[in-house]
Amino acid sequence: MSAPIHTRPPQATRGGVEIRLPWWALALPVLAFVALLLLILNPAEAHATAGDPGIAHLLERVRQLTAH
């Protein structure tokens, strides 16, 4: 005895492609970007840019603007 097989209709008959992303598919890249940005802007780790005061000044200014 065979059971009936339930199949979905083709995408073309429903009016197009339907793509749904889970919430974490957008949250994880945003979280990673923010974490890397905070690591770059952390003034405690800015000693590596001490040789070029222009870049250090720019990063400090960006940090101040994002803190407001």
PDB file of N, CA and C in Angstrom:
ATOM      1  N   MET A   1       0.847  -1.168   0.000  1.00  0.00           N
ATOM      2  CA  MET A   1       0.000   0.000   0.000  1.00  0.00           C
ATOM      3  C   MET A   1       0.895   1.234   0.000  1.00  0.00           C
ATOM      4  N   SER A   2       0.668   2.133  -0.894  1.00  0.00           N
ATOM      5  CA  SER A   2       1.498   3.330  -0.985  1.00  0.00           C
ATOM      6  C   SER A   2       0.770   4.531  -0.388  1.00  0.00           C
ATOM      7  N   ALA A   3       1.556   5.388   0.218  1.00  0.00           N
ATOM      8  CA  ALA A   3       1.001   6.608   0.823  1.00  0.00           C
ATOM      9  C   ALA A   3       1.061   7.737  -0.199  1.00  0.00           C
ATOM     10  N   PRO A   4       0.106   8.663  -0.122  1.00  0.00           N
ATOM     11  CA  PRO A   4       0.143   9.786  -1.060  1.00  0.00           C
ATOM     12  C   PRO A   4       1.348  10.695  -0.765  1.00  0.00           C
ATOM     13  N   ILE A   5       1.941  11.207  -1.818  1.00  0.00           N
ATOM     14  CA  ILE A   5       3.104  12.080  -1.687  1.00  0.00           C
ATOM     15  C   ILE A   5       2.639  13.524  -1.837  1.00  0.00           C
ATOM     16  N   HIS A   6       2.970  14.328  -0.832  1.00  0.00           N
ATOM     17  CA  HIS A   6       2.610  15.744  -0.879  1.00  0.00           C
ATOM     18  C   HIS A   6       3.824  16.528  -1.374  1.00  0.00           C
ATOM     19  N   THR A   7       3.658  17.184  -2.477  1.00  0.00           N
ATOM     20  CA  THR A   7       4.749  17.987  -3.033  1.00  0.00           C
ATOM     21  C   THR A   7       4.316  19.449  -3.095  1.00  0.00           C
ATOM     22  N   ARG A   8       5.287  20.307  -3.054  1.00  0.00           N
ATOM     23  CA  ARG A   8       5.002  21.730  -3.187  1.00  0.00           C
ATOM     24  C   ARG A   8       4.835  22.070  -4.655  1.00  0.00           C
ATOM     25  N   PRO A   9       3.995  23.054  -4.934  1.00  0.00           N
ATOM     26  CA  PRO A   9       3.891  23.480  -6.339  1.00  0.00           C
ATOM     27  C   PRO A   9       5.181  24.188  -6.762  1.00  0.00           C
ATOM     28  N   PRO A  10       5.502  24.186  -8.025  1.00  0.00           N
ATOM     29  CA  PRO A  10       6.717  24.867  -8.497  1.00  0.00           C
ATOM     30  C   PRO A  10       6.695  26.351  -8.138  1.00  0.00           C
ATOM     31  N   GLN A  11       7.880  26.928  -7.998  1.00  0.00           N
ATOM     32  CA  GLN A  11       7.991  28.333  -7.618  1.00  0.00           C
ATOM     33  C   GLN A  11       7.361  29.253  -8.659  1.00  0.00           C
ATOM     34  N   ALA A  12       7.418  28.871  -9.920  1.00  0.00           N
ATOM     35  CA  ALA A  12       6.899  29.735 -10.976  1.00  0.00           C
ATOM     36  C   ALA A  12       5.388  29.914 -10.860  1.00  0.00           C
ATOM     37  N   THR A  13       4.676  28.927 -10.321  1.00  0.00           N
ATOM     38  CA  THR A  13       3.226  29.043 -10.226  1.00  0.00           C
ATOM     39  C   THR A  13       2.798  29.891  -9.033  1.00  0.00           C
ATOM     40  N   ARG A  14       3.700  30.127  -8.083  1.00  0.00           N
ATOM     41  CA  ARG A  14       3.337  30.940  -6.930  1.00  0.00           C
ATOM     42  C   ARG A  14       3.741  32.401  -7.108  1.00  0.00           C
ATOM     43  N   GLY A  15       4.251  32.781  -8.226  1.00  0.00           N
ATOM     44  CA  GLY A  15       4.539  34.178  -8.481  1.00  0.00           C
ATOM     45  C   GLY A  15       5.976  34.597  -8.228  1.00  0.00           C
ATOM     46  N   GLY A  16       6.897  33.698  -8.153  1.00  0.00           N
ATOM     47  CA  GLY A  16       8.292  34.083  -7.999  1.00  0.00           C
ATOM     48  C   GLY A  16       9.000  33.294  -6.924  1.00  0.00           C
ATOM     49  N   VAL A  17      10.236  33.668  -6.707  1.00  0.00           N
ATOM     50  CA  VAL A  17      11.073  32.978  -5.737  1.00  0.00           C
ATOM     51  C   VAL A  17      10.856  33.599  -4.366  1.00  0.00           C
ATOM     52  N   GLU A  18      10.697  32.767  -3.381  1.00  0.00           N
ATOM     53  CA  GLU A  18      10.472  33.237  -2.017  1.00  0.00           C
ATOM     54  C   GLU A  18      11.693  32.859  -1.176  1.00  0.00           C
ATOM     55  N   ILE A  19      12.396  33.873  -0.677  1.00  0.00           N
ATOM     56  CA  ILE A  19      13.591  33.628   0.123  1.00  0.00           C
ATOM     57  C   ILE A  19      13.358  34.221   1.497  1.00  0.00           C
ATOM     58  N   ARG A  20      13.547  33.400   2.519  1.00  0.00           N
ATOM     59  CA  ARG A  20      13.419  33.867   3.887  1.00  0.00           C
ATOM     60  C   ARG A  20      14.704  33.540   4.627  1.00  0.00           C
ATOM     61  N   LEU A  21      15.274  34.556   5.257  1.00  0.00           N
ATOM     62  CA  LEU A  21      16.467  34.359   6.048  1.00  0.00           C
ATOM     63  C   LEU A  21      16.095  34.329   7.519  1.00  0.00           C
ATOM     64  N   PRO A  22      16.740  33.479   8.281  1.00  0.00           N
ATOM     65  CA  PRO A  22      16.505  33.528   9.724  1.00  0.00           C
ATOM     66  C   PRO A  22      17.109  34.801  10.313  1.00  0.00           C
ATOM     67  N   TRP A  23      16.679  35.194  11.496  1.00  0.00           N
ATOM     68  CA  TRP A  23      17.133  36.447  12.108  1.00  0.00           C
ATOM     69  C   TRP A  23      18.640  36.457  12.317  1.00  0.00           C
ATOM     70  N   TRP A  24      19.222  35.299  12.611  1.00  0.00           N
ATOM     71  CA  TRP A  24      20.645  35.259  12.901  1.00  0.00           C
ATOM     72  C   TRP A  24      21.502  35.373  11.640  1.00  0.00           C
ATOM     73  N   ALA A  25      20.912  35.157  10.475  1.00  0.00           N
ATOM     74  CA  ALA A  25      21.667  35.285   9.228  1.00  0.00           C
ATOM     75  C   ALA A  25      22.044  36.742   8.953  1.00  0.00           C
ATOM     76  N   LEU A  26      21.307  37.673   9.505  1.00  0.00           N
ATOM     77  CA  LEU A  26      21.657  39.084   9.396  1.00  0.00           C
ATOM     78  C   LEU A  26      22.348  39.589  10.654  1.00  0.00           C
ATOM     79  N   ALA A  27      21.970  39.040  11.809  1.00  0.00           N
ATOM     80  CA  ALA A  27      22.532  39.521  13.072  1.00  0.00           C
ATOM     81  C   ALA A  27      24.008  39.151  13.231  1.00  0.00           C
ATOM     82  N   LEU A  28      24.405  37.969  12.817  1.00  0.00           N
ATOM     83  CA  LEU A  28      25.796  37.551  12.995  1.00  0.00           C
ATOM     84  C   LEU A  28      26.794  38.386  12.186  1.00  0.00           C
ATOM     85  N   PRO A  29      26.552  38.674  10.905  1.00  0.00           N
ATOM     86  CA  PRO A  29      27.502  39.548  10.196  1.00  0.00           C
ATOM     87  C   PRO A  29      27.552  40.961  10.786  1.00  0.00           C
ATOM     88  N   VAL A  30      26.403  41.478  11.219  1.00  0.00           N
ATOM     89  CA  VAL A  30      26.391  42.809  11.835  1.00  0.00           C
ATOM     90  C   VAL A  30      27.180  42.789  13.133  1.00  0.00           C
ATOM     91  N   LEU A  31      26.989  41.760  13.934  1.00  0.00           N
ATOM     92  CA  LEU A  31      27.718  41.639  15.193  1.00  0.00           C
ATOM     93  C   LEU A  31      29.224  41.511  14.946  1.00  0.00           C
ATOM     94  N   ALA A  32      29.614  40.747  13.952  1.00  0.00           N
ATOM     95  CA  ALA A  32      31.034  40.594  13.634  1.00  0.00           C
ATOM     96  C   ALA A  32      31.628  41.915  13.148  1.00  0.00           C
ATOM     97  N   PHE A  33      30.890  42.649  12.327  1.00  0.00           N
ATOM     98  CA  PHE A  33      31.375  43.940  11.843  1.00  0.00           C
ATOM     99  C   PHE A  33      31.556  44.919  12.996  1.00  0.00           C
ATOM    100  N   VAL A  34      30.578  44.987  13.886  1.00  0.00           N
ATOM    101  CA  VAL A  34      30.674  45.901  15.027  1.00  0.00           C
ATOM    102  C   VAL A  34      31.832  45.511  15.935  1.00  0.00           C
ATOM    103  N   ALA A  35      32.020  44.222  16.169  1.00  0.00           N
ATOM    104  CA  ALA A  35      33.127  43.776  17.020  1.00  0.00           C
ATOM    105  C   ALA A  35      34.478  44.144  16.408  1.00  0.00           C
ATOM    106  N   LEU A  36      34.639  43.938  15.099  1.00  0.00           N
ATOM    107  CA  LEU A  36      35.893  44.306  14.449  1.00  0.00           C
ATOM    108  C   LEU A  36      36.101  45.815  14.429  1.00  0.00           C
ATOM    109  N   LEU A  37      35.027  46.564  14.243  1.00  0.00           N
ATOM    110  CA  LEU A  37      35.134  48.015  14.270  1.00  0.00           C
ATOM    111  C   LEU A  37      35.557  48.509  15.646  1.00  0.00           C
ATOM    112  N   LEU A  38      35.006  47.920  16.693  1.00  0.00           N
ATOM    113  CA  LEU A  38      35.396  48.311  18.046  1.00  0.00           C
ATOM    114  C   LEU A  38      36.841  47.936  18.346  1.00  0.00           C
ATOM    115  N   LEU A  39      37.296  46.815  17.800  1.00  0.00           N
ATOM    116  CA  LEU A  39      38.702  46.457  17.985  1.00  0.00           C
ATOM    117  C   LEU A  39      39.633  47.449  17.299  1.00  0.00           C
ATOM    118  N   ILE A  40      39.226  47.930  16.138  1.00  0.00           N
ATOM    119  CA  ILE A  40      40.049  48.901  15.421  1.00  0.00           C
ATOM    120  C   ILE A  40      40.062  50.240  16.154  1.00  0.00           C
ATOM    121  N   LEU A  41      38.929  50.636  16.684  1.00  0.00           N
ATOM    122  CA  LEU A  41      38.809  51.952  17.306  1.00  0.00           C
ATOM    123  C   LEU A  41      39.208  51.977  18.772  1.00  0.00           C
ATOM    124  N   ASN A  42      39.601  50.846  19.322  1.00  0.00           N
ATOM    125  CA  ASN A  42      39.970  50.791  20.735  1.00  0.00           C
ATOM    126  C   ASN A  42      41.277  51.562  20.950  1.00  0.00           C
ATOM    127  N   PRO A  43      41.249  52.652  21.721  1.00  0.00           N
ATOM    128  CA  PRO A  43      42.463  53.448  21.891  1.00  0.00           C
ATOM    129  C   PRO A  43      43.560  52.728  22.677  1.00  0.00           C
ATOM    130  N   ALA A  44      43.216  51.744  23.466  1.00  0.00           N
ATOM    131  CA  ALA A  44      44.229  51.001  24.218  1.00  0.00           C
ATOM    132  C   ALA A  44      45.116  50.187  23.286  1.00  0.00           C
ATOM    133  N   GLU A  45      44.599  49.777  22.134  1.00  0.00           N
ATOM    134  CA  GLU A  45      45.364  48.993  21.171  1.00  0.00           C
ATOM    135  C   GLU A  45      45.929  49.861  20.045  1.00  0.00           C
ATOM    136  N   ALA A  46      45.875  51.174  20.184  1.00  0.00           N
ATOM    137  CA  ALA A  46      46.303  52.068  19.116  1.00  0.00           C
ATOM    138  C   ALA A  46      47.809  52.292  19.102  1.00  0.00           C
ATOM    139  N   HIS A  47      48.553  51.632  19.960  1.00  0.00           N
ATOM    140  CA  HIS A  47      49.999  51.829  19.997  1.00  0.00           C
ATOM    141  C   HIS A  47      50.677  51.359  18.705  1.00  0.00           C
ATOM    142  N   ALA A  48      50.047  50.514  17.942  1.00  0.00           N
ATOM    143  CA  ALA A  48      50.629  50.048  16.685  1.00  0.00           C
ATOM    144  C   ALA A  48      50.621  51.156  15.630  1.00  0.00           C
ATOM    145  N   THR A  49      49.745  52.135  15.758  1.00  0.00           N
ATOM    146  CA  THR A  49      49.678  53.228  14.802  1.00  0.00           C
ATOM    147  C   THR A  49      50.413  54.468  15.299  1.00  0.00           C
ATOM    148  N   ALA A  50      51.260  54.325  16.304  1.00  0.00           N
ATOM    149  CA  ALA A  50      51.955  55.479  16.875  1.00  0.00           C
ATOM    150  C   ALA A  50      52.920  56.111  15.872  1.00  0.00           C
ATOM    151  N   GLY A  51      53.382  55.385  14.892  1.00  0.00           N
ATOM    152  CA  GLY A  51      54.308  55.925  13.914  1.00  0.00           C
ATOM    153  C   GLY A  51      53.656  56.891  12.939  1.00  0.00           C
ATOM    154  N   ASP A  52      52.352  56.776  12.719  1.00  0.00           N
ATOM    155  CA  ASP A  52      51.640  57.649  11.796  1.00  0.00           C
ATOM    156  C   ASP A  52      50.549  58.398  12.563  1.00  0.00           C
ATOM    157  N   PRO A  53      50.831  59.625  13.026  1.00  0.00           N
ATOM    158  CA  PRO A  53      49.853  60.341  13.851  1.00  0.00           C
ATOM    159  C   PRO A  53      48.593  60.733  13.082  1.00  0.00           C
ATOM    160  N   GLY A  54      48.656  60.823  11.779  1.00  0.00           N
ATOM    161  CA  GLY A  54      47.469  61.180  11.001  1.00  0.00           C
ATOM    162  C   GLY A  54      46.392  60.111  11.084  1.00  0.00           C
ATOM    163  N   ILE A  55      46.792  58.861  10.939  1.00  0.00           N
ATOM    164  CA  ILE A  55      45.822  57.764  11.017  1.00  0.00           C
ATOM    165  C   ILE A  55      45.299  57.619  12.439  1.00  0.00           C
ATOM    166  N   ALA A  56      46.189  57.746  13.423  1.00  0.00           N
ATOM    167  CA  ALA A  56      45.762  57.645  14.822  1.00  0.00           C
ATOM    168  C   ALA A  56      44.782  58.756  15.155  1.00  0.00           C
ATOM    169  N   HIS A  57      45.041  59.954  14.655  1.00  0.00           N
ATOM    170  CA  HIS A  57      44.131  61.075  14.903  1.00  0.00           C
ATOM    171  C   HIS A  57      42.781  60.818  14.243  1.00  0.00           C
ATOM    172  N   LEU A  58      42.791  60.307  13.027  1.00  0.00           N
ATOM    173  CA  LEU A  58      41.550  60.011  12.321  1.00  0.00           C
ATOM    174  C   LEU A  58      40.739  58.940  13.041  1.00  0.00           C
ATOM    175  N   LEU A  59      41.393  57.877  13.482  1.00  0.00           N
ATOM    176  CA  LEU A  59      40.690  56.816  14.199  1.00  0.00           C
ATOM    177  C   LEU A  59      40.124  57.319  15.531  1.00  0.00           C
ATOM    178  N   GLU A  60      40.868  58.160  16.208  1.00  0.00           N
ATOM    179  CA  GLU A  60      40.382  58.728  17.469  1.00  0.00           C
ATOM    180  C   GLU A  60      39.167  59.615  17.222  1.00  0.00           C
ATOM    181  N   ARG A  61      39.193  60.373  16.145  1.00  0.00           N
ATOM    182  CA  ARG A  61      38.053  61.244  15.808  1.00  0.00           C
ATOM    183  C   ARG A  61      36.812  60.413  15.473  1.00  0.00           C
ATOM    184  N   VAL A  62      36.996  59.334  14.729  1.00  0.00           N
ATOM    185  CA  VAL A  62      35.879  58.442  14.402  1.00  0.00           C
ATOM    186  C   VAL A  62      35.311  57.819  15.675  1.00  0.00           C
ATOM    187  N   ARG A  63      36.196  57.409  16.601  1.00  0.00           N
ATOM    188  CA  ARG A  63      35.740  56.841  17.864  1.00  0.00           C
ATOM    189  C   ARG A  63      34.925  57.843  18.667  1.00  0.00           C
ATOM    190  N   GLN A  64      35.369  59.099  18.677  1.00  0.00           N
ATOM    191  CA  GLN A  64      34.645  60.139  19.413  1.00  0.00           C
ATOM    192  C   GLN A  64      33.280  60.388  18.788  1.00  0.00           C
ATOM    193  N   LEU A  65      33.218  60.390  17.460  1.00  0.00           N
ATOM    194  CA  LEU A  65      31.936  60.622  16.781  1.00  0.00           C
ATOM    195  C   LEU A  65      30.956  59.475  17.002  1.00  0.00           C
ATOM    196  N   THR A  66      31.463  58.241  17.045  1.00  0.00           N
ATOM    197  CA  THR A  66      30.569  57.111  17.252  1.00  0.00           C
ATOM    198  C   THR A  66      30.165  56.963  18.712  1.00  0.00           C
ATOM    199  N   ALA A  67      30.907  57.579  19.622  1.00  0.00           N
ATOM    200  CA  ALA A  67      30.565  57.489  21.047  1.00  0.00           C
ATOM    201  C   ALA A  67      29.375  58.384  21.385  1.00  0.00           C
ATOM    202  N   HIS A  68      29.126  59.391  20.580  1.00  0.00           N
ATOM    203  CA  HIS A  68      28.002  60.287  20.868  1.00  0.00           C
ATOM    204  C   HIS A  68      26.765  59.643  20.443  1.00  0.00           C
TER     205      HIS A  68
END
